[in-house]
Protein backbone atom coordinates (compact mmCIF):
# COMPACT_ATOMS: atom_id res chain seq x y z
CA MET A 1 8.71 -9.65 5.66
CA SER A 2 6.65 -6.74 5.80
CA LYS A 3 4.96 -5.91 9.53
CA LEU A 4 1.98 -4.63 9.23
CA LEU A 5 0.57 -3.24 12.67
CA THR A 6 -2.86 -2.23 11.22
CA GLY A 7 -4.66 -2.38 8.30
CA LEU A 8 -6.23 -1.94 4.88
CA VAL A 9 -7.12 0.41 1.79
CA SER A 10 -5.96 0.91 -1.90
CA ILE A 11 -6.01 -0.43 -5.67
CA VAL A 12 -3.44 -1.41 -8.43
CA SER A 13 -2.88 -4.05 -11.08
CA LEU A 14 -1.07 -5.11 -13.96
CA VAL A 15 -0.06 -3.23 -17.29
CA SER A 16 1.88 -0.24 -16.45
CA GLY A 17 0.86 3.06 -18.04
CA ILE A 18 -3.08 2.90 -17.04
CA ALA A 19 -4.12 4.69 -14.35
CA ALA A 20 -6.40 2.98 -12.20
CA CYS A 21 -7.21 4.68 -8.60
CA GLY A 22 -6.91 7.77 -7.01
CA GLY A 23 -8.18 9.34 -3.87
CA THR A 24 -11.21 12.04 -4.77
CA GLU A 25 -11.97 15.19 -2.70
CA ALA A 26 -14.93 15.61 -0.90
CA ALA A 27 -16.24 18.42 1.29
CA ASP A 28 -13.92 19.88 3.52
CA PRO A 29 -14.00 17.55 6.82
CA ALA A 30 -15.80 19.06 9.90
CA ASP A 31 -12.14 19.90 11.14
CA ASN A 32 -8.93 21.42 10.05
CA PRO A 33 -6.81 18.63 11.67
CA PHE A 34 -4.20 20.92 12.24
CA THR A 35 -6.44 23.00 14.43
CA ALA A 36 -8.21 20.39 15.62
CA ASP A 37 -7.99 18.70 19.18
CA LEU A 38 -5.94 15.62 18.61
CA SER A 39 -5.47 14.65 22.37
CA ASP A 40 -5.80 11.17 22.95
CA PRO A 41 -9.14 10.42 24.96
CA GLY A 42 -7.42 8.00 27.66
CA LYS A 43 -4.89 5.43 28.75
CA GLU A 44 -3.82 3.93 25.44
CA ASP A 45 -4.46 0.28 24.75
CA SER A 46 -1.10 -1.41 23.96
CA ALA A 47 -2.49 -4.59 22.50
CA TYR A 48 -1.92 -5.40 18.46
CA LEU A 49 -3.05 -2.27 16.66
CA ASN A 50 -5.30 -3.71 14.19
CA PRO A 51 -8.62 -4.22 15.13
CA ASP A 52 -9.58 -5.52 11.72
CA GLY A 53 -6.90 -7.55 10.69
CA ALA A 54 -3.64 -9.73 10.84
CA GLU A 55 -0.67 -10.13 8.73
CA VAL A 56 0.22 -13.51 8.12
CA GLU A 57 2.44 -15.29 5.22
CA ILE A 58 0.57 -17.94 3.07
CA ASP A 59 1.35 -20.87 0.41
CA LEU A 60 -0.84 -20.62 -2.90
CA GLU A 61 -1.00 -23.67 -4.62
CA GLY A 62 -3.02 -24.59 -7.74
CA ASP A 63 -2.81 -26.52 -11.47
CA VAL A 64 -2.19 -24.79 -14.54
CA ALA A 65 -2.77 -25.74 -18.36
CA GLY A 66 -1.02 -23.78 -20.94
CA PRO A 67 2.06 -23.44 -23.23
CA ASP A 68 5.12 -23.97 -21.87
CA TYR A 69 6.75 -20.59 -22.62
CA GLN A 70 4.05 -19.31 -20.46
CA LEU A 71 4.24 -21.64 -17.21
CA ASP A 72 7.13 -19.82 -15.95
CA ASP A 73 4.38 -16.86 -15.48
CA ALA A 74 1.55 -19.13 -14.74
CA PRO A 75 2.06 -19.20 -10.86
CA ALA A 76 2.28 -15.50 -10.55
CA ALA A 77 -0.35 -14.51 -13.17
CA LEU A 78 -3.07 -17.27 -11.10
CA GLY A 79 -2.05 -15.75 -8.08
CA GLN A 80 -3.62 -12.29 -9.52
CA PHE A 81 -6.59 -14.12 -9.95
CA ALA A 82 -6.98 -15.01 -6.19
CA LEU A 83 -5.81 -11.52 -5.22
CA THR A 84 -8.91 -10.44 -6.76
CA TYR A 85 -11.42 -13.15 -5.64
CA PHE A 86 -10.29 -12.40 -2.01
CA ARG A 87 -10.21 -8.70 -2.30
CA LYS A 88 -13.71 -8.18 -3.53
CA LYS A 89 -14.91 -10.69 -0.72
CA GLU A 90 -13.19 -8.46 1.57
CA LEU A 91 -11.45 -11.58 3.48
CA MET A 92 -7.50 -11.10 2.72
CA TYR A 93 -5.23 -9.29 0.42
CA ILE A 94 -2.51 -10.75 -1.13
CA GLU A 95 1.11 -9.63 -2.28
CA SER A 96 1.22 -9.33 -5.80
CA LEU A 97 3.92 -11.22 -7.40
CA ALA A 98 3.01 -9.88 -10.99
CA GLU A 99 5.62 -7.97 -11.73
CA ASP A 100 8.53 -9.57 -9.60
CA ALA A 101 11.28 -10.76 -11.56
CA SER A 102 11.70 -13.43 -9.35
CA ALA A 103 8.39 -15.11 -9.09
CA ALA A 104 9.38 -17.53 -11.58
CA ASP A 105 12.19 -18.54 -9.47
CA ARG A 106 9.84 -18.66 -6.34
CA ALA A 107 7.59 -20.96 -7.68
CA GLU A 108 7.92 -24.72 -7.05
CA TRP A 109 6.26 -27.36 -9.05
CA LEU A 110 5.30 -30.68 -8.15
CA VAL A 111 7.07 -33.81 -9.74
CA GLY A 112 6.28 -37.67 -8.79
CA GLY A 113 5.60 -36.44 -5.09
CA THR A 114 8.55 -33.96 -4.90
CA TRP A 115 8.75 -30.22 -5.01
CA TYR A 116 11.31 -28.67 -7.20
CA THR A 117 12.13 -25.35 -8.45
CA LYS A 118 12.92 -24.46 -11.93
CA ALA A 119 16.45 -25.11 -11.90
CA THR A 120 16.08 -28.25 -10.25
CA LEU A 121 13.60 -30.03 -12.18
CA PRO A 122 14.21 -33.11 -13.44
CA ALA A 123 15.04 -33.19 -17.37
CA GLY A 124 11.78 -33.36 -19.50
CA ALA A 125 9.45 -32.96 -16.61
CA ALA A 126 5.89 -31.67 -17.22
CA ARG A 127 4.88 -28.52 -14.91
CA THR A 128 1.03 -29.06 -14.13
CA HIS A 129 1.04 -28.48 -10.27
CA TRP A 130 2.90 -25.57 -8.66
CA ARG A 131 3.14 -23.63 -5.35
CA LEU A 132 4.29 -20.33 -4.31
CA ARG A 133 5.40 -19.87 -0.76
CA GLY A 134 5.53 -17.04 1.54
CA LEU A 135 3.42 -14.64 0.51
CA ASN A 136 2.77 -11.70 2.53
CA THR A 137 -1.18 -11.35 3.10
CA VAL A 138 -3.54 -9.37 5.39
CA LEU A 139 -6.63 -11.06 6.92
CA LEU A 140 -9.52 -9.48 7.69
CA PHE A 141 -12.38 -9.52 10.40
CA ALA A 142 -13.29 -12.99 11.46
CA ALA A 143 -10.50 -14.36 9.28
CA ALA A 144 -7.92 -12.36 11.34
CA LYS A 145 -9.48 -13.66 14.80
CA ASP A 146 -9.13 -17.00 13.84
CA ALA A 147 -5.72 -16.88 12.15
CA LYS A 148 -3.35 -19.67 13.05
CA VAL A 149 -0.75 -22.00 11.20
CA GLY A 150 -2.88 -24.48 8.82
CA LEU A 151 -5.72 -22.37 8.45
CA THR A 152 -7.17 -22.91 4.49
CA PHE A 153 -8.62 -21.07 1.96
CA ALA A 154 -10.04 -21.85 -1.64
CA ALA A 155 -9.77 -19.03 -4.43
CA LYS A 156 -11.65 -19.65 -7.54
CA ALA A 157 -9.41 -18.89 -10.70
CA PRO A 158 -9.78 -20.14 -14.35
CA ALA A 159 -8.17 -23.53 -15.29
CA LYS A 160 -6.61 -22.15 -18.42
CA PRO A 161 -5.73 -18.44 -17.46
CA PHE A 162 -3.79 -17.65 -20.49
CA SER A 163 -6.48 -17.97 -22.92
CA ILE A 164 -9.49 -16.49 -20.51
CA TYR A 165 -10.43 -13.69 -22.68
CA THR A 166 -10.85 -16.00 -25.90
CA ASP A 167 -12.52 -18.69 -23.66
CA ALA A 168 -15.17 -16.32 -21.56
CA GLY A 169 -15.52 -13.14 -23.56
CA LYS A 170 -17.05 -10.79 -20.75
CA THR A 171 -19.05 -13.73 -19.27
CA CYS A 172 -16.35 -14.02 -16.21
CA ALA A 173 -15.55 -10.39 -15.59
CA ASP A 174 -17.57 -7.77 -13.88
CA ASP A 175 -19.13 -4.85 -15.10
CA ASP A 176 -16.72 -2.16 -14.44
CA ASP A 177 -16.01 -0.79 -18.15
CA HIS A 178 -13.80 1.82 -16.24
CA ILE A 179 -11.29 -0.71 -16.88
CA GLY A 180 -11.55 -1.85 -20.73
CA LEU A 181 -11.55 -5.81 -20.58
CA ASP A 182 -8.77 -7.80 -22.34
CA GLN A 183 -6.57 -10.61 -21.19
CA SER A 184 -3.96 -8.51 -19.29
CA VAL A 185 -6.43 -7.25 -17.25
CA TYR A 186 -9.03 -9.90 -16.82
CA TRP A 187 -7.67 -11.05 -13.59
CA TYR A 188 -8.89 -7.51 -12.17
CA ARG A 189 -12.02 -7.96 -13.49
CA TRP A 190 -12.62 -11.37 -12.44
CA GLU A 191 -15.95 -12.55 -11.34
CA PRO A 192 -16.56 -16.30 -11.50
CA GLU A 193 -19.32 -16.74 -9.44
CA GLN A 194 -21.49 -15.08 -11.84
CA THR A 195 -24.19 -17.20 -13.59
CA SER A 196 -22.87 -16.51 -16.84
CA CYS A 197 -19.47 -17.85 -16.14
CA LYS A 198 -19.26 -21.41 -17.58
CA VAL A 199 -15.69 -21.72 -18.38
CA ALA A 200 -13.80 -24.71 -16.24
CA LEU A 201 -12.53 -23.44 -12.77
CA GLN A 202 -10.35 -25.12 -10.40
CA ASP A 203 -9.78 -24.15 -6.56
CA LEU A 204 -6.45 -22.50 -5.79
CA LYS A 205 -5.55 -23.65 -2.19
CA VAL A 206 -4.23 -21.03 0.21
CA THR A 207 -2.90 -22.38 3.51
CA VAL A 208 -1.42 -20.18 6.50
CA THR A 209 1.92 -21.01 7.13
CA LYS A 210 3.14 -18.32 9.38
CA THR A 211 1.35 -15.86 11.97
CA PHE A 212 3.34 -13.13 13.64
CA PRO A 213 3.16 -12.37 17.27
CA LYS A 214 1.07 -9.61 18.28
CA THR A 215 2.77 -6.39 19.34
CA GLN A 216 2.93 -6.18 23.36
CA SER A 217 3.24 -2.79 23.75
CA SER A 218 2.68 0.63 21.70
CA VAL A 219 4.85 1.39 19.09
CA TYR A 220 6.18 4.73 17.77
CA PRO A 221 7.39 6.37 14.82
CA GLU A 222 11.30 7.12 15.15
CA PHE A 223 10.63 10.17 16.77
CA ASP A 224 14.49 10.62 18.25
CA GLN A 225 15.52 9.96 14.70
CA LEU A 226 13.28 12.64 12.92
CA LEU A 227 13.82 15.41 15.45
CA ALA A 228 17.33 14.95 16.22
CA ASP A 229 18.43 18.02 14.26
CA LYS A 230 15.14 19.99 15.35
CA LYS A 231 13.89 20.10 12.05
CA LEU A 232 11.05 17.90 10.43
CA THR A 233 10.89 17.96 6.74
CA THR A 234 7.74 16.52 4.98
CA VAL A 235 6.56 16.62 1.37
CA ILE A 236 3.01 15.75 0.14
CA LEU A 237 2.44 15.12 -3.67
CA PHE A 238 -0.82 15.95 -4.89
CA GLY A 239 -1.34 13.95 -8.11
CA GLN A 240 -3.68 14.27 -10.97
CA ILE A 241 -7.07 12.90 -10.20
CA ASP A 242 -8.81 14.16 -13.25
CA ASP A 243 -8.68 13.51 -16.78
CA GLY A 244 -7.87 16.51 -19.12
CA PRO A 245 -6.07 19.51 -18.64
CA ILE A 246 -4.76 20.54 -15.09
CA THR A 247 -6.74 23.93 -14.21
CA ASP A 248 -7.19 25.26 -10.47
CA SER A 249 -10.44 23.48 -10.31
CA GLU A 250 -8.77 19.94 -11.21
CA THR A 251 -9.28 17.71 -7.85
CA GLY A 252 -5.78 17.24 -7.13
CA MET A 253 -5.33 20.94 -7.39
CA GLN A 254 -8.00 21.71 -5.20
CA SER A 255 -6.52 19.17 -2.58
CA PHE A 256 -3.52 21.05 -2.96
CA THR A 257 -5.13 24.45 -2.25
CA ARG A 258 -7.20 23.41 0.57
CA TYR A 259 -4.10 21.67 2.29
CA ALA A 260 -2.14 25.11 2.10
CA ARG A 261 -5.02 26.82 3.40
CA TRP A 262 -5.38 24.69 6.19
CA LEU A 263 -1.80 25.15 7.03
CA LYS A 264 -2.23 28.92 6.75
CA ASP A 265 -5.04 28.91 9.24
CA ALA A 266 -2.94 26.57 11.76
CA LYS A 267 -0.34 29.55 11.92
CA PHE A 268 2.00 27.98 9.51
CA ALA A 269 3.83 30.79 7.42
CA GLU A 270 4.61 30.35 3.41
CA VAL A 271 8.01 30.89 2.88
CA THR A 272 10.03 30.54 -0.41
CA ALA A 273 9.99 27.30 -1.59
CA PRO A 274 12.81 25.85 -4.34
CA LEU A 275 9.41 23.95 -5.66
CA GLY A 276 5.93 24.18 -5.31
CA LYS A 277 4.56 25.84 -1.85
CA ARG A 278 6.45 25.52 1.36
CA PHE A 279 5.03 26.30 4.95
CA GLU A 280 6.76 26.55 8.09
CA LYS A 281 6.19 26.71 11.87
CA VAL A 282 8.10 26.23 15.20
CA VAL A 283 6.67 23.75 17.54
CA ASN A 284 8.26 23.02 20.78
CA GLY A 285 11.56 24.32 19.44
CA THR A 286 11.37 22.07 16.27
CA THR A 287 10.75 23.81 13.07
CA VAL A 288 8.26 21.83 10.96
CA GLN A 289 8.58 22.25 7.41
CA ILE A 290 5.57 21.16 4.77
CA ASP A 291 6.26 21.25 1.24
CA LEU A 292 3.28 20.94 -1.03
CA TYR A 293 4.14 19.57 -4.57
CA SER A 294 0.82 20.30 -7.18
CA PRO A 295 -0.11 18.43 -10.08
CA ARG A 296 1.95 20.80 -11.78
CA GLU A 297 5.24 19.93 -10.17
CA PHE A 298 4.22 16.06 -10.67
CA SER A 299 1.15 14.70 -12.11
CA GLY A 300 1.19 10.99 -11.54
CA LEU A 301 3.21 7.77 -11.68
CA ASP A 302 3.37 8.07 -15.60
CA ASP A 303 5.12 11.44 -15.35
CA PHE A 304 8.28 11.02 -16.82
CA GLY A 305 9.11 14.80 -17.74
CA HIS A 306 8.65 15.77 -13.93
CA PHE A 307 10.75 12.73 -12.64
CA ALA A 308 13.49 15.04 -11.20
CA ASN A 309 10.61 16.61 -9.14
CA PHE A 310 9.66 13.16 -7.59
CA GLN A 311 13.42 12.47 -7.12
CA LYS A 312 13.58 15.60 -5.08
CA ALA A 313 10.86 14.95 -2.89
CA LEU A 314 12.00 11.59 -1.98
CA SER A 315 15.73 12.77 -1.23
CA GLU A 316 15.01 15.55 0.93
CA HIS A 317 12.12 15.02 3.00
CA GLU A 318 11.66 12.61 6.19
CA ILE A 319 7.99 11.93 5.38
CA VAL A 320 6.43 11.43 2.07
CA ALA A 321 3.19 11.40 1.26
CA TRP A 322 1.37 10.17 -2.33
CA ASP A 323 -1.92 11.25 -3.22
CA GLY A 324 -3.22 10.55 -6.49
CA HIS A 325 -3.49 7.40 -9.05
CA SER A 326 -2.08 4.27 -8.87
CA MET A 327 -1.34 2.08 -11.94
CA LEU A 328 -3.20 -1.09 -13.34
CA GLY A 329 0.11 -2.63 -12.46
CA GLY A 330 3.13 -1.91 -10.28
CA SER A 331 4.53 1.28 -11.86
CA ASP A 332 8.40 1.08 -11.89
CA PHE A 333 8.46 4.85 -10.42
CA TRP A 334 8.98 3.76 -6.99
CA THR A 335 11.87 1.33 -8.20
CA ARG A 336 13.65 4.24 -10.35
CA PRO A 337 14.52 6.82 -7.51
CA SER A 338 17.68 6.92 -5.05
CA TYR A 339 16.64 6.88 -1.89
CA PRO A 340 18.12 8.28 1.05
CA SER A 341 20.10 6.42 4.01
CA ASN A 342 18.28 8.31 6.97
CA TYR A 343 14.90 7.04 8.35
CA GLN A 344 11.75 8.11 6.33
CA ILE A 345 7.94 7.74 6.95
CA PHE A 346 5.81 7.09 3.35
CA LEU A 347 2.21 7.83 3.63
CA TYR A 348 1.37 5.66 0.45
CA GLY A 349 -2.38 6.85 -0.82
CA GLY A 350 -2.40 5.06 -4.08
CA CYS A 351 -4.52 1.71 -4.59
CA LEU A 352 -3.31 -1.45 -3.46
CA GLY A 353 -0.16 0.08 -1.92
CA TYR A 354 0.09 -2.64 0.40
CA GLU A 355 0.06 -5.46 -2.39
CA TYR A 356 2.22 -3.79 -4.68
CA TYR A 357 4.41 -0.65 -3.84
CA VAL A 358 5.98 -1.50 -0.10
CA LYS A 359 7.97 -3.90 -1.31
CA PRO A 360 9.92 -1.49 -4.00
CA ILE A 361 10.26 1.43 -1.55
CA LEU A 362 11.75 -1.46 0.82
CA HIS A 363 14.01 -2.63 -1.66
CA GLY A 364 14.85 1.42 -2.22
CA LYS A 365 15.83 1.68 1.38
CA GLY A 366 18.15 -1.31 1.47
CA ASP A 367 15.45 -3.89 2.39
CA SER A 368 15.77 -2.81 5.82
CA TRP A 369 13.07 -1.58 7.79
CA ALA A 370 15.85 0.06 10.02
CA LYS A 371 15.04 3.29 8.30
CA LEU A 372 11.86 2.54 7.13
CA ASP A 373 7.85 2.90 8.15
CA ILE A 374 5.12 2.64 5.31
CA MET A 375 1.67 3.81 5.66
CA SER A 376 -0.47 2.12 2.78
CA SER A 377 -3.61 0.71 2.00
CA VAL A 378 -5.06 -2.69 0.76
CA VAL A 379 -8.41 -1.86 -1.02
CA GLU A 380 -9.64 0.95 -3.30
CA VAL A 381 -8.65 4.29 -2.17
CA THR A 382 -11.45 7.00 -1.93
CA ALA A 383 -9.59 9.27 0.63
CA SER A 384 -7.83 12.01 -0.59
CA ALA A 385 -4.55 13.16 1.02
CA ASN A 386 -6.60 15.75 3.02
CA GLU A 387 -8.22 12.98 4.85
CA PHE A 388 -5.30 10.47 5.42
CA ALA A 389 -1.97 12.26 5.14
CA GLY A 390 -3.65 15.78 6.81
CA PRO A 391 -4.68 13.66 10.15
CA ALA A 392 -1.42 11.58 9.95
CA ILE A 393 0.78 14.86 9.71
CA ALA A 394 -1.29 16.59 12.00
CA LYS A 395 -0.95 13.96 14.88
CA ILE A 396 2.48 13.93 14.60
CA VAL A 397 2.92 17.45 14.86
CA TRP A 398 0.66 17.48 17.76
CA ALA A 399 2.94 14.94 19.35
CA ILE A 400 6.02 17.00 19.01
CA ASP A 401 4.47 19.55 21.33
CA HIS A 402 3.12 16.53 23.66
CA GLY A 403 6.40 14.71 24.84
CA ASN A 404 6.14 12.58 21.28
CA ARG A 405 3.29 10.86 22.75
CA ALA A 406 1.62 9.61 19.55
CA SER A 407 1.94 6.08 18.82
CA TRP A 408 1.20 4.56 15.50
CA ARG A 409 -1.94 3.31 16.89
CA SER A 410 -3.28 6.88 17.75
CA ILE A 411 -2.04 8.22 14.54
CA LEU A 412 -3.73 5.47 12.63
CA MET A 413 -7.07 5.75 14.78
CA THR A 414 -6.91 9.50 13.79
CA VAL A 415 -6.60 8.54 10.46
CA ARG A 416 -9.50 6.04 10.66
CA ASN A 417 -11.82 8.90 12.19
CA ASN A 418 -11.18 10.81 9.04
CA VAL A 419 -11.72 8.32 6.61
CA GLY A 420 -14.59 6.54 8.24
CA ASP A 421 -12.98 2.85 8.30
CA SER A 422 -10.27 0.92 8.96
CA THR A 423 -8.65 1.54 5.99
CA PHE A 424 -4.94 1.95 6.57
CA GLY A 425 -2.27 0.64 8.01
CA VAL A 426 1.52 0.85 8.80
CA SER A 427 4.66 -1.55 7.97
CA GLY A 428 7.62 -2.07 9.21
CA VAL A 429 7.12 -0.70 13.12
CA ARG A 430 6.69 -3.69 15.05
CA ASP A 431 10.62 -3.45 16.09
CA ASN A 432 10.81 0.31 16.18
CA CYS A 433 12.90 0.90 19.31
CA TYR A 434 11.77 4.73 20.28
CA SER A 435 9.29 5.54 22.99
CA PRO A 436 8.61 7.90 24.83
CA TYR A 437 9.02 6.03 27.91
CA GLY A 438 12.40 4.78 27.23
CA ASN A 439 13.82 2.74 24.69
CA ARG A 440 11.83 -0.32 23.42
CA CYS A 441 14.68 -2.39 22.48
CA HIS A 442 16.50 -2.90 25.62
C-alpha cells in the first residue's frame, strides 16, 4: 500500500512508446531556489500533510459484455475509463492496473450471488459482473474531507469497452488530437457526458473500503541515512521535451542549462563529471553532489540506446529526479533497472506518476518502503524540474545547514509555492522514523 502524504500532478497511459506528457519550461521563477530564503515561516503544523487530498483504498465494480477471450482484461480496461472520468472531474486519481500482469488474477466475478476469482470459477460459468478490490486512490477537496468507509461514487463507462471505437467513433471522445484516437487509447480521451455520445453506458460503482490514519506528527526524509557518510548524491535527468533534434535551444536542454546556472550562482563548484555535469558544495561538513544529465545523456523513457546512463543514475545516487515525458502507457523503463539497497528519494516529474510509476519503483526496491520515498504527481505535469525538483532539492540542502529541520510537509509546501498549486505528493513516508527531535518509531 503506498502511503501518500500530500498530493497531486501527472499523466501517463496505455500503449507504451508514445510520448505523452512532460514539463514545459517557463520563464525563470522570481528566485533561484538555491539562493532564496527557505526558512520556515513559523511553528510547523504537524497535522496530516495534504490540505487537498487523502489516500484511500477503493473497490471498483461493474459489468462487461465482450468476447470470452477478452474478459480477463475487462476489469482493468474498464478501470482505465474510470481513471479518466474522475481525473477530468479533478475528483479522484485511481491506481492503474492496465499493465499489471496480476490484474486478471485480482479480478473477482459474481456468479450465483458468490464472488469467485478466475481460478475458482465454476466450470462453464458466464462472466458478466466483476469487481477489483483494494485499489490505491487519491481523493481531492470535498471528497477527501468526507472520505469514510462506505462512501460511493459512480463513473460513466462504456457497456462494451472492446468495441467502443467502432461503436462511437469520435462521438464519445474529447478533441485532444495530440493523441490520435483509436481503440487502444479511447479510454484516455473518454468524454461520455458530451451530447454527441449515444452509445450504451454503465455506471461503474466505486466504494471506499479503507481509509488511513492522518499523520499525527511531522515526518521527514530519512536524513540520518542520507547523510551518514557526510555526502549527499543527487541526479536530475532532463529528458527531451520538444520534437526534432536535440539542440541547445530544445526545452529540456534549456532547463538543464538554467539549473546549472542556478547551482553556479549558489556557489556550487563544477567538477569533473563521469557523465553530464557535476556540481559540488560542502554544506555544514557534508559534500552535496548534484549531477545533471541532459537530453543528450538520456532523452526519455524510450531511449533504449542510453539505458546504461539511466541505470547509472539510479544505481549511484540517493536522490533521483526525472523531468521529461511519460509514455502513453506504463513504460517498462522503471521495471528494467537494478535498484540499490540503500535509502533513496525519487522525484518523479512525468505525468500520472502516482497512477503508474509508484508501483514499479517500489517493486524495484524490494516492495518495501523502508528504503524509499517517492514524490510524484497525479494529473498532467506542466512544471519542469526547475520548478519542482529545484525547490525540493534546495530545501533538502537548506535543511543540512539547519539541523535537518525540513519535514516532507515543508518540502512539499516549498514545491507548491513554486509550482503554484497543490500538485505533488509523496508516498512511503508515513512510517519514516527519522526526526531532528528524536526517533519517531520508539
